[in-house]
Protein backbone atom coordinates (compact mmCIF):
# COMPACT_ATOMS: atom_id res chain seq x y z
CA MET A 1 150.32 -42.21 131.39
CA PHE A 2 147.65 -44.34 131.22
CA ARG A 3 145.82 -47.34 128.89
CA ALA A 4 143.46 -46.49 126.18
CA ARG A 5 141.35 -48.76 123.60
CA LEU A 6 142.05 -47.00 120.08
CA LEU A 7 139.00 -47.12 117.78
CA HIS A 8 138.98 -46.13 114.28
CA PRO A 9 136.94 -43.05 113.97
CA ASP A 10 134.73 -43.79 111.35
CA SER A 11 133.97 -47.82 111.92
CA ARG A 12 134.34 -47.55 115.57
CA GLU A 13 136.33 -50.97 115.42
CA PRO A 14 139.06 -51.57 117.65
CA VAL A 15 142.35 -51.05 116.61
CA ASP A 16 144.07 -51.93 119.32
CA ASP A 17 144.86 -51.83 123.10
CA CYS A 18 147.86 -48.94 123.66
CA LEU A 19 149.52 -46.34 125.96
CA ALA A 20 149.08 -42.95 125.88
CA ALA A 21 151.25 -40.35 127.64
CA CYS A 22 150.43 -36.46 127.82
CA PHE A 23 153.03 -33.98 127.82
CA PRO A 24 151.70 -30.63 128.98
CA ALA A 25 153.09 -27.49 127.72
CA PRO A 26 155.18 -26.04 127.73
CA HIS A 27 156.95 -28.90 129.68
CA SER A 28 156.95 -30.91 126.41
CA TYR A 29 159.32 -31.58 123.61
CA THR A 30 158.11 -28.65 121.11
CA GLY A 31 156.63 -26.68 124.08
CA ASP A 32 153.26 -27.69 122.83
CA ASP A 33 150.81 -30.08 124.19
CA LEU A 34 151.12 -33.32 122.96
CA VAL A 35 150.52 -37.27 123.35
CA GLU A 36 153.00 -40.03 122.49
CA ILE A 37 150.65 -43.09 121.99
CA SER A 38 152.22 -46.25 122.18
CA THR A 39 150.89 -49.27 120.38
CA HIS A 40 151.86 -53.35 119.68
CA GLY A 41 154.55 -53.82 117.38
CA GLY A 42 154.76 -55.71 113.54
CA LEU A 43 153.31 -54.81 110.53
CA VAL A 44 149.54 -54.61 110.81
CA VAL A 45 148.83 -52.91 114.34
CA PRO A 46 151.17 -49.84 113.19
CA ALA A 47 150.18 -49.72 110.21
CA ALA A 48 146.20 -49.76 111.34
CA ALA A 49 147.18 -47.22 114.40
CA LEU A 50 148.17 -44.32 111.68
CA ALA A 51 145.20 -44.63 109.36
CA ALA A 52 143.00 -44.48 112.15
CA PHE A 53 144.82 -40.79 112.99
CA ALA A 54 144.52 -40.14 109.26
CA ALA A 55 140.99 -41.01 109.01
CA ALA A 56 140.68 -38.76 112.25
CA GLY A 57 141.98 -35.56 110.60
CA ALA A 58 146.20 -36.38 111.75
CA ARG A 59 148.75 -36.03 109.08
CA PRO A 60 152.56 -36.93 109.10
CA ALA A 61 155.30 -35.02 110.65
CA GLU A 62 157.38 -33.32 108.32
CA PRO A 63 161.07 -33.60 108.69
CA GLY A 64 162.45 -32.18 111.81
CA GLU A 65 159.40 -30.76 112.41
CA PHE A 66 158.82 -31.51 116.06
CA THR A 67 162.17 -29.75 116.50
CA ARG A 68 161.24 -26.97 114.68
CA ARG A 69 158.43 -26.07 116.41
CA ALA A 70 161.09 -26.44 119.79
CA VAL A 71 163.03 -23.85 118.00
CA LEU A 72 160.17 -21.82 116.98
CA ASN A 73 158.26 -22.06 120.26
CA GLY A 74 161.49 -20.71 122.84
CA LYS A 75 162.81 -24.77 123.94
CA MET A 76 165.98 -24.42 122.05
CA ASP A 77 167.97 -22.65 119.60
CA LEU A 78 169.07 -22.89 115.88
CA LEU A 79 172.36 -24.52 117.32
CA GLN A 80 170.72 -26.66 119.69
CA ALA A 81 168.43 -28.15 116.65
CA GLU A 82 171.15 -28.64 114.36
CA ALA A 83 173.03 -30.75 117.36
CA THR A 84 170.19 -33.01 117.42
CA ALA A 85 170.43 -33.60 114.37
CA ASP A 86 174.04 -34.41 114.56
CA LEU A 87 173.63 -36.64 117.86
CA ILE A 88 171.12 -38.76 115.65
CA ASP A 89 173.64 -38.98 112.69
CA ALA A 90 176.87 -39.35 115.08
CA GLY A 91 178.67 -42.31 113.73
CA SER A 92 181.89 -41.87 115.89
CA PRO A 93 182.26 -41.26 120.02
CA VAL A 94 183.86 -37.57 119.34
CA GLN A 95 180.77 -36.77 116.68
CA ARG A 96 178.56 -37.65 120.00
CA ARG A 97 180.49 -35.99 122.42
CA ARG A 98 180.39 -32.91 120.04
CA ALA A 99 177.32 -33.07 119.69
CA LEU A 100 175.93 -33.47 123.28
CA HIS A 101 178.83 -30.14 124.02
CA GLN A 102 176.31 -28.19 121.69
CA LEU A 103 173.36 -29.34 122.59
CA GLU A 104 173.91 -28.53 126.12
CA ARG A 105 174.65 -24.81 124.52
CA GLY A 106 178.51 -24.95 124.41
CA LEU A 107 178.77 -22.92 121.21
CA SER A 108 175.40 -21.02 121.99
CA ASP A 109 176.78 -19.78 125.31
CA ARG A 110 180.04 -18.44 123.38
CA LEU A 111 178.10 -16.80 120.56
CA THR A 112 175.79 -14.93 123.63
CA ALA A 113 178.79 -13.99 125.11
CA LEU A 114 180.62 -12.74 121.85
CA ARG A 115 177.06 -10.63 121.15
CA GLY A 116 177.40 -8.97 124.53
CA GLU A 117 180.93 -8.10 124.11
CA ILE A 118 179.94 -6.24 120.58
CA LEU A 119 177.50 -4.44 122.24
CA GLU A 120 179.44 -3.26 125.05
CA LEU A 121 181.96 -2.16 122.17
CA GLU A 122 178.85 -0.75 120.22
CA ALA A 123 177.66 1.23 123.74
CA LEU A 124 181.37 2.56 124.21
CA ILE A 125 180.97 4.15 121.09
CA ALA A 126 177.38 5.39 121.42
CA TYR A 127 178.22 6.86 124.59
CA ASP A 128 181.46 8.79 122.64
CA ILE A 129 178.92 9.93 120.44
CA ASP A 130 176.03 11.29 123.02
CA PHE A 131 178.98 13.39 124.98
CA PRO A 132 180.91 15.07 122.08
CA GLU A 133 181.72 18.06 124.13
CA GLU A 134 184.41 16.83 126.30
CA ASP A 135 187.97 16.39 125.11
CA GLU A 136 188.75 13.61 122.80
CA GLY A 137 185.29 11.93 124.16
CA PRO A 138 185.02 10.21 127.71
CA VAL A 139 186.23 6.88 126.51
CA SER A 140 189.74 7.07 125.41
CA GLU A 141 190.75 5.37 121.71
CA THR A 142 192.76 3.25 123.82
CA THR A 143 190.03 1.98 125.34
CA VAL A 144 188.05 1.37 122.19
CA ARG A 145 190.93 -0.70 120.81
CA ARG A 146 191.50 -2.69 123.63
CA ALA A 147 187.85 -3.80 123.42
CA TRP A 148 187.58 -4.56 120.08
CA CYS A 149 191.27 -6.33 119.74
CA VAL A 150 189.76 -8.89 122.16
CA VAL A 151 186.19 -9.39 120.86
CA ARG A 152 187.26 -9.45 117.28
CA ASP A 153 190.38 -11.95 118.27
CA ARG A 154 187.61 -14.26 119.87
CA VAL A 155 185.54 -14.67 117.01
CA ALA A 156 189.23 -15.46 114.97
CA ASP A 157 190.18 -18.30 117.50
CA LEU A 158 186.52 -19.66 116.78
CA LEU A 159 186.52 -19.38 113.27
CA LYS A 160 189.78 -21.01 113.12
CA THR A 161 188.03 -24.41 114.47
CA ALA A 162 186.00 -25.06 111.25
CA PRO A 163 188.00 -26.72 109.08
CA GLU A 164 188.43 -29.09 111.38
CA GLY A 165 185.08 -29.32 112.94
CA GLU A 166 183.36 -29.55 109.26
CA ARG A 167 185.65 -32.17 108.91
CA LEU A 168 184.38 -33.71 111.63
CA ARG A 169 180.71 -34.24 110.74
CA GLU A 170 181.46 -35.58 107.60
CA GLY A 171 184.50 -37.44 108.54
CA ALA A 172 188.20 -36.52 107.21
CA LEU A 173 188.92 -38.09 103.83
CA LEU A 174 192.14 -40.23 104.20
CA VAL A 175 193.43 -41.30 100.76
CA ILE A 176 195.52 -43.96 100.84
CA ALA A 177 198.21 -44.13 97.91
CA GLY A 178 201.54 -45.30 96.77
CA ARG A 179 203.22 -47.60 93.99
CA PRO A 180 201.28 -50.54 93.17
CA ASN A 181 201.87 -53.55 95.78
CA ALA A 182 203.02 -51.24 98.04
CA GLY A 183 200.20 -52.71 100.79
CA LYS A 184 197.95 -50.01 100.77
CA SER A 185 195.21 -52.64 100.38
CA ALA A 186 196.15 -54.77 103.27
CA LEU A 187 196.54 -51.33 105.61
CA PHE A 188 193.10 -49.94 104.33
CA ASN A 189 191.47 -53.61 105.61
CA ALA A 190 194.05 -53.35 108.98
CA LEU A 191 192.51 -49.67 109.08
CA LEU A 192 189.17 -50.60 108.39
CA GLY A 193 189.15 -54.00 110.29
CA THR A 194 187.52 -56.20 107.92
CA GLU A 195 188.75 -57.47 104.80
CA ARG A 196 187.27 -54.53 102.46
CA ALA A 197 189.62 -54.91 99.44
CA ILE A 198 191.13 -57.94 97.56
CA VAL A 199 195.26 -57.82 98.64
CA THR A 200 197.13 -60.20 96.48
CA GLU A 201 200.89 -59.91 95.66
CA ILE A 202 200.11 -59.43 91.85
CA PRO A 203 200.83 -55.04 91.32
CA GLY A 204 197.96 -53.47 90.14
CA THR A 205 195.39 -55.64 91.62
CA THR A 206 193.34 -52.35 93.03
CA ARG A 207 191.85 -50.98 89.56
CA ASP A 208 189.27 -48.53 91.56
CA ALA A 209 189.09 -46.34 94.37
CA ILE A 210 187.35 -48.15 97.39
CA GLU A 211 185.84 -46.11 100.39
CA ALA A 212 184.70 -47.21 103.63
CA HIS A 213 183.96 -45.12 106.90
CA ALA A 214 186.18 -45.80 109.91
CA VAL A 215 186.59 -44.80 113.31
CA ILE A 216 189.79 -44.27 114.36
CA GLU A 217 191.03 -42.76 117.57
CA GLY A 218 187.54 -42.17 118.14
CA PHE A 219 187.56 -39.52 115.12
CA PRO A 220 185.64 -40.37 112.02
CA PHE A 221 187.59 -40.74 108.70
CA ARG A 222 186.34 -41.83 104.84
CA LEU A 223 189.12 -44.26 103.74
CA VAL A 224 189.84 -44.34 100.24
CA ASP A 225 192.24 -47.38 98.87
CA THR A 226 193.46 -46.20 95.33
CA ALA A 227 195.08 -47.87 92.20
CA GLY A 228 198.71 -47.65 92.50
CA LEU A 229 200.17 -44.81 90.90
CA ARG A 230 202.64 -45.81 87.80
CA ASP A 231 202.81 -45.18 84.20
CA SER A 232 200.58 -48.10 82.42
CA ASP A 233 199.37 -48.32 78.97
CA GLU A 234 196.64 -50.59 80.17
CA ARG A 235 193.04 -48.65 79.86
CA ILE A 236 191.56 -50.20 82.85
CA GLU A 237 194.60 -49.24 85.03
CA LYS A 238 194.86 -45.74 83.46
CA LEU A 239 191.44 -45.17 84.71
CA GLY A 240 191.51 -46.02 88.12
CA ILE A 241 194.74 -43.84 88.41
CA GLU A 242 192.93 -41.23 87.41
CA VAL A 243 190.26 -41.45 89.57
CA SER A 244 192.72 -41.66 91.83
CA ARG A 245 194.23 -38.51 91.29
CA LYS A 246 190.60 -36.78 91.44
CA TYR A 247 190.70 -38.50 95.01
CA LEU A 248 193.91 -37.05 96.13
CA ALA A 249 193.07 -33.62 95.09
CA ALA A 250 190.56 -33.84 97.15
CA ALA A 251 191.74 -35.18 100.19
CA ASP A 252 191.94 -33.84 103.49
CA LEU A 253 195.01 -36.47 104.49
CA VAL A 254 196.58 -38.74 102.61
CA MET A 255 198.90 -41.62 103.93
CA TYR A 256 201.62 -42.52 101.09
CA CYS A 257 202.55 -46.33 101.80
CA GLU A 258 206.42 -47.79 100.46
CA GLU A 259 207.56 -50.57 101.01
CA GLN A 260 211.40 -49.48 100.74
CA ASP A 261 212.50 -46.03 99.60
CA ASP A 262 210.63 -44.79 96.62
CA PRO A 263 212.53 -42.58 94.11
CA SER A 264 209.25 -41.05 92.55
CA ARG A 265 207.68 -40.30 96.30
CA ASP A 266 208.77 -37.06 96.07
CA ALA A 267 207.70 -36.26 92.53
CA PHE A 268 204.58 -37.16 94.19
CA LEU A 269 204.41 -34.95 97.21
CA ALA A 270 205.10 -32.22 95.08
CA HIS A 271 202.23 -32.54 93.64
CA VAL A 272 200.25 -32.97 96.66
CA GLN A 273 197.99 -30.13 99.13
CA ALA A 274 196.70 -32.24 101.53
CA PRO A 275 198.97 -32.91 104.60
CA VAL A 276 201.14 -36.29 104.11
CA VAL A 277 202.26 -39.12 106.42
CA VAL A 278 204.50 -41.43 104.72
CA VAL A 279 204.19 -44.83 105.71
CA ARG A 280 206.60 -47.94 106.00
CA THR A 281 204.60 -50.79 105.13
CA LYS A 282 205.55 -55.14 105.68
CA VAL A 283 207.87 -54.57 108.23
CA ASP A 284 207.35 -58.29 109.65
CA ARG A 285 210.52 -58.75 111.00
CA PRO A 286 212.30 -56.49 113.75
CA SER A 287 215.19 -56.01 111.60
CA ASP A 288 213.17 -54.51 109.10
CA ARG A 289 211.80 -51.99 111.10
CA PRO A 290 213.41 -48.26 110.32
CA THR A 291 213.68 -45.77 112.88
CA VAL A 292 213.03 -42.61 111.07
CA ARG A 293 209.63 -42.73 109.92
CA PRO A 294 206.19 -44.37 111.13
CA SER A 295 206.73 -48.45 109.99
CA VAL A 296 204.17 -50.68 109.83
CA SER A 297 203.06 -54.37 110.06
CA VAL A 298 199.43 -55.53 109.26
CA VAL A 299 200.89 -59.33 110.02
CA THR A 300 202.19 -58.77 113.08
CA GLY A 301 200.15 -55.34 113.81
CA PHE A 302 203.64 -53.73 114.42
CA GLY A 303 202.51 -50.12 114.55
CA LEU A 304 199.30 -49.98 113.67
CA ALA A 305 198.27 -48.41 117.23
CA GLU A 306 201.00 -45.26 117.11
CA LEU A 307 199.62 -44.93 112.91
CA ARG A 308 196.61 -44.60 114.39
CA HIS A 309 197.55 -42.03 116.82
CA GLU A 310 199.33 -40.18 114.32
CA LEU A 311 196.91 -39.85 111.68
CA ALA A 312 194.12 -38.51 114.47
CA GLN A 313 196.47 -35.96 115.21
CA VAL A 314 197.37 -35.08 111.78
CA ALA A 315 193.38 -34.86 110.72
CA PHE A 316 192.18 -33.67 114.14
CA GLY A 317 195.32 -31.84 115.91
CA ARG A 318 193.34 -28.57 116.77
CA LEU A 319 190.13 -30.72 118.21
CA LEU A 320 192.57 -32.95 120.45
CA ALA A 321 194.40 -29.59 121.72
CA LEU A 322 190.89 -28.31 122.74
CA GLY A 323 189.40 -31.56 124.46
CA ASP A 324 185.85 -31.23 124.71
CA VAL A 325 185.49 -28.25 126.97
CA GLU A 326 185.97 -25.50 124.23
CA PRO A 327 183.18 -24.77 121.34
CA VAL A 328 183.77 -26.02 117.54
CA VAL A 329 182.08 -24.48 114.37
CA THR A 330 180.51 -27.75 112.87
CA ARG A 331 178.88 -26.49 109.82
CA ALA A 332 179.54 -24.23 106.83
CA ARG A 333 176.76 -22.19 108.04
CA HIS A 334 178.46 -21.67 111.02
CA ARG A 335 181.62 -20.18 109.09
CA ALA A 336 180.03 -18.34 106.82
CA ALA A 337 178.32 -15.95 109.67
CA LEU A 338 181.13 -15.99 111.90
CA GLU A 339 182.80 -14.96 108.65
CA ARG A 340 180.44 -12.00 108.31
CA ALA A 341 181.00 -11.19 111.82
CA LEU A 342 184.58 -10.78 111.34
CA ALA A 343 184.48 -8.63 108.08
CA GLU A 344 181.97 -6.27 109.89
CA LEU A 345 184.33 -6.02 112.97
CA ASP A 346 187.35 -5.46 110.70
CA ALA A 347 185.09 -2.87 108.87
CA PHE A 348 184.89 -1.30 111.94
CA TRP A 349 188.10 -0.74 112.53
CA ALA A 350 189.37 0.42 109.03
CA ALA A 351 186.16 2.88 109.40
CA ARG A 352 187.05 4.51 112.24
CA ALA A 353 191.27 4.50 111.88
CA GLY A 354 189.85 6.51 108.66
CA GLY A 355 188.36 8.92 109.88
CA VAL A 356 184.59 8.07 108.97
CA ASP A 357 181.97 9.33 111.64
CA ALA A 358 181.01 7.19 114.97
CA ALA A 359 177.68 6.77 113.85
CA ALA A 360 178.88 5.38 110.57
CA ALA A 361 181.48 3.06 111.65
CA ALA A 362 179.33 1.56 114.52
CA THR A 363 176.62 0.34 112.10
CA HIS A 364 179.44 -2.40 111.41
CA LEU A 365 179.18 -3.27 114.84
CA ARG A 366 175.57 -3.35 114.55
CA ALA A 367 175.72 -5.61 111.42
CA ALA A 368 178.24 -8.51 113.42
CA VAL A 369 175.23 -8.55 116.11
CA LEU A 370 172.79 -9.28 113.24
CA ALA A 371 175.06 -11.70 112.07
CA LEU A 372 175.75 -13.89 115.35
CA ASP A 373 172.02 -13.72 115.80
CA GLU A 374 171.57 -15.42 112.37
CA LEU A 375 173.50 -18.44 113.59
CA ILE A 376 171.76 -18.68 116.81
CA GLY A 377 169.08 -18.36 115.75
CA ALA A 378 167.41 -15.05 117.26
CA VAL A 379 166.68 -13.93 113.44
CA THR A 380 166.39 -16.51 111.16
CA PRO A 381 165.10 -16.35 107.86
CA GLU A 382 162.33 -18.92 106.95
CA ASP A 383 164.63 -20.18 104.17
CA VAL A 384 167.55 -20.71 106.95
CA LEU A 385 164.56 -23.15 108.55
CA ASP A 386 163.88 -24.73 105.76
CA ARG A 387 167.77 -25.61 104.86
CA VAL A 388 168.56 -26.66 108.32
CA PHE A 389 165.56 -28.78 109.10
CA ALA A 390 165.16 -30.36 105.66
CA ALA A 391 168.31 -33.26 106.71
CA PHE A 392 166.22 -34.14 109.79
CA CYS A 393 164.63 -37.68 109.58
CA VAL A 394 161.39 -37.59 109.55
CA GLY A 395 159.63 -36.56 112.68
CA LYS A 396 161.97 -35.66 114.75
C-alpha cells in the first residue's frame, strides 16, 4: 500500500490524496491484477474520483462482477459465489453461519464426494462392459447394487434438507391466526420486540395483514399478524379476513391463538396445510396457566421463551438436528439439480433391472454427474451465471 496523488486525466487537476493497495494475480479476490483506491469520504471527493476514472476509460462494475470473475478464474466455485451473496444478505445468526459453512466449501465438498461415488459406480459398469467374457461379469450384481444404494441414499438425504434450507434463506412465513381479540397482535409485538401492531380490547382492530421480519432462536421468520377469523358483514373486515386466508394458504407455519377453548378451532385447522402451533394466550396469573398446550402471557413474559423454542423446532427442526456441521441445500437451483441427479440414478437402476444394455443404462450415471457439475459450476451455461449474479449488489 502506498500514498498517491489522484489527478484528473484531462485537466490534470488534483482530485485527492489517496491510498493505493495492489493485489497481484493470482492472489487477489478475482484472480486478476487489482488495485484498490481509498479516497477521503464525503460526497464531492468520491464523486470526483469516479468521474476521473471514467474519463480515463474505466466503467462501473456490473452486479456481482468481481465474484463472477473469481468463479471464471477458478478462485471459487458457483456454490461459494452464492454463499458470498447469502453472507452479505444474512439477517440472522443461523443464516450467517450457514453461508460461512458453504463459503468454506461445506456443500461443495459433499457434492464433490457424491460425484466421485457416481464416477466409481460408472467405472464398475465400464469394467463390466470391457470384460463381457467373464461369467456374470467380473463385478457382482450385489456390489453394483450396494454402490448404487449408497450414493442414491446420500443424494436423497441431502435433498431432504432443501425445504428448510430454502426456508432459511427466505425466512419462515409464520402466520398468526385466531378469532378476534385472542391476543394475536400482542403476541406479534412480543415476538417482534417492538410495538408494530395496534393492540386494543376492541375485537376486529386488525383489518389487514401486517408483516415484519424477526429472528427467533437465531432463525429468520416473517411474522404475519392477520385479521381475526369470524363471520362479519363489515366490508373492510371481510376484506381483511380474505387476505388472512391467502396468507394461511402460503404459510410455512401457523400459530393459532386462543384465550380459552375455541369451538371453531378444529374446523379452522381442518383447512390448514401447514404445521400448526396452538397457543393459549393472556395467561397472566399462575392459576390461569394450563399445562396441556403452550401458554403465554405478553404482560409477564411467561411462556415466551418456550414458545420461541417450539416455533424454531417446528419450522427448522431438521436444521437444528444437523447443527452447523452437515451441509444444507439452500436454493431452488440446488434442489432442481439434485432432483435431476436423483432421477437419473433411479433411471439407471430401472434400466439395469429391466435388462437394458449396460452401456445404455450407464448413460444415466453420466447424466447424474453432469447435473452435479452444473450445480457446482464446473459446467455452467452462461444464462445460469447471469441469473446467479443478477441478484448480487453492484460491484461485489
